[in-house]
Amino acid sequence: ARAAAADSLRPGARQRMLPRLGLSPGAPPEAVSQAVAARCGLDAQTVAHTLYGQPPDTDADLVTLARALDDIERQVAQS
């Protein structure tokens, strides 16, 4: 269930951010990660892991992922 939840959270976050980043829905993961990192002053690898990484191993990891996605979305929206 954690993998399914992550598979719902991640694409939703990306879809909401793409217009603000000036990227199309078909933008490659590297371009999305780089754009978010540049916009928010974050590490691109960390952003890539959050937006595209492996499914969380535990419920706590899923909560951490949801919070990280929310934080990234908020930073993109406010920048």
C-alpha atoms as a PDB file:
ATOM      1  CA  ALA A   1       0.000   0.000   0.000  1.00  0.00           C
ATOM      2  CA  ARG A   2       2.940   2.364   0.622  1.00  0.00           C
ATOM      3  CA  ALA A   3       4.114   1.982  -2.974  1.00  0.00           C
ATOM      4  CA  ALA A   4       0.626   2.738  -4.286  1.00  0.00           C
ATOM      5  CA  ALA A   5       0.372   5.791  -2.040  1.00  0.00           C
ATOM      6  CA  ALA A   6       3.755   7.077  -3.201  1.00  0.00           C
ATOM      7  CA  ASP A   7       2.725   6.406  -6.807  1.00  0.00           C
ATOM      8  CA  SER A   8      -0.260   8.687  -6.233  1.00  0.00           C
ATOM      9  CA  LEU A   9       1.497  11.420  -4.276  1.00  0.00           C
ATOM     10  CA  ARG A  10       4.492  11.914  -6.526  1.00  0.00           C
ATOM     11  CA  PRO A  11       2.740  12.386  -9.886  1.00  0.00           C
ATOM     12  CA  GLY A  12       0.167  14.672  -8.302  1.00  0.00           C
ATOM     13  CA  ALA A  13       2.867  16.901  -6.875  1.00  0.00           C
ATOM     14  CA  ARG A  14       4.728  16.985 -10.182  1.00  0.00           C
ATOM     15  CA  GLN A  15       1.571  17.852 -12.140  1.00  0.00           C
ATOM     16  CA  ARG A  16       0.801  20.759  -9.854  1.00  0.00           C
ATOM     17  CA  MET A  17       4.341  22.129 -10.083  1.00  0.00           C
ATOM     18  CA  LEU A  18       5.004  21.785 -13.806  1.00  0.00           C
ATOM     19  CA  PRO A  19       3.025  24.874 -14.911  1.00  0.00           C
ATOM     20  CA  ARG A  20       4.756  27.042 -12.314  1.00  0.00           C
ATOM     21  CA  LEU A  21       8.110  25.746 -13.535  1.00  0.00           C
ATOM     22  CA  GLY A  22       7.251  26.389 -17.178  1.00  0.00           C
ATOM     23  CA  LEU A  23       7.594  22.712 -18.049  1.00  0.00           C
ATOM     24  CA  SER A  24       5.331  20.463 -20.083  1.00  0.00           C
ATOM     25  CA  PRO A  25       3.749  17.282 -18.688  1.00  0.00           C
ATOM     26  CA  GLY A  26       6.230  15.226 -20.712  1.00  0.00           C
ATOM     27  CA  ALA A  27       9.307  16.895 -19.210  1.00  0.00           C
ATOM     28  CA  PRO A  28      12.008  14.362 -18.330  1.00  0.00           C
ATOM     29  CA  PRO A  29      12.673  13.679 -14.640  1.00  0.00           C
ATOM     30  CA  GLU A  30      16.099  15.296 -14.774  1.00  0.00           C
ATOM     31  CA  ALA A  31      14.655  18.541 -16.153  1.00  0.00           C
ATOM     32  CA  VAL A  32      11.950  18.625 -13.494  1.00  0.00           C
ATOM     33  CA  SER A  33      14.402  17.907 -10.695  1.00  0.00           C
ATOM     34  CA  GLN A  34      16.848  20.532 -11.947  1.00  0.00           C
ATOM     35  CA  ALA A  35      14.110  23.158 -12.322  1.00  0.00           C
ATOM     36  CA  VAL A  36      12.784  22.538  -8.813  1.00  0.00           C
ATOM     37  CA  ALA A  37      16.281  22.564  -7.338  1.00  0.00           C
ATOM     38  CA  ALA A  38      17.180  25.816  -9.091  1.00  0.00           C
ATOM     39  CA  ARG A  39      13.894  27.474  -8.124  1.00  0.00           C
ATOM     40  CA  CYS A  40      14.063  26.459  -4.472  1.00  0.00           C
ATOM     41  CA  GLY A  41      17.796  26.354  -3.805  1.00  0.00           C
ATOM     42  CA  LEU A  42      17.698  22.632  -3.080  1.00  0.00           C
ATOM     43  CA  ASP A  43      20.034  19.794  -4.007  1.00  0.00           C
ATOM     44  CA  ALA A  44      18.949  18.296  -7.347  1.00  0.00           C
ATOM     45  CA  GLN A  45      19.670  14.713  -6.265  1.00  0.00           C
ATOM     46  CA  THR A  46      17.562  15.123  -3.151  1.00  0.00           C
ATOM     47  CA  VAL A  47      14.747  16.595  -5.215  1.00  0.00           C
ATOM     48  CA  ALA A  48      15.014  13.735  -7.729  1.00  0.00           C
ATOM     49  CA  HIS A  49      14.836  11.174  -4.940  1.00  0.00           C
ATOM     50  CA  THR A  50      11.768  12.870  -3.477  1.00  0.00           C
ATOM     51  CA  LEU A  51       9.968  13.230  -6.806  1.00  0.00           C
ATOM     52  CA  TYR A  52      11.018   9.951  -8.446  1.00  0.00           C
ATOM     53  CA  GLY A  53      12.677   7.691  -5.860  1.00  0.00           C
ATOM     54  CA  GLN A  54      11.915   4.215  -4.668  1.00  0.00           C
ATOM     55  CA  PRO A  55       8.735   3.499  -2.728  1.00  0.00           C
ATOM     56  CA  PRO A  56       9.024   4.111   1.014  1.00  0.00           C
ATOM     57  CA  ASP A  57       9.926   1.104   3.157  1.00  0.00           C
ATOM     58  CA  THR A  58       7.890   2.038   6.217  1.00  0.00           C
ATOM     59  CA  ASP A  59       4.809   4.015   7.134  1.00  0.00           C
ATOM     60  CA  ALA A  60       7.067   6.611   8.731  1.00  0.00           C
ATOM     61  CA  ASP A  61       9.001   6.914   5.458  1.00  0.00           C
ATOM     62  CA  LEU A  62       5.711   7.466   3.617  1.00  0.00           C
ATOM     63  CA  VAL A  63       4.785  10.267   5.996  1.00  0.00           C
ATOM     64  CA  THR A  64       8.235  11.793   5.506  1.00  0.00           C
ATOM     65  CA  LEU A  65       7.792  11.578   1.735  1.00  0.00           C
ATOM     66  CA  ALA A  66       4.374  13.258   1.890  1.00  0.00           C
ATOM     67  CA  ARG A  67       5.792  16.073   3.999  1.00  0.00           C
ATOM     68  CA  ALA A  68       8.791  16.510   1.699  1.00  0.00           C
ATOM     69  CA  LEU A  69       6.543  16.698  -1.358  1.00  0.00           C
ATOM     70  CA  ASP A  70       4.317  19.234   0.356  1.00  0.00           C
ATOM     71  CA  ASP A  71       7.338  21.306   1.327  1.00  0.00           C
ATOM     72  CA  ILE A  72       8.729  21.274  -2.212  1.00  0.00           C
ATOM     73  CA  GLU A  73       5.349  22.217  -3.669  1.00  0.00           C
ATOM     74  CA  ARG A  74       5.016  25.081  -1.211  1.00  0.00           C
ATOM     75  CA  GLN A  75       8.487  26.385  -2.055  1.00  0.00           C
ATOM     76  CA  VAL A  76       7.804  26.241  -5.792  1.00  0.00           C
ATOM     77  CA  ALA A  77       4.481  28.031  -5.339  1.00  0.00           C
ATOM     78  CA  GLN A  78       6.037  30.779  -3.218  1.00  0.00           C
ATOM     79  CA  SER A  79       9.054  31.399  -5.411  1.00  0.00           C
END
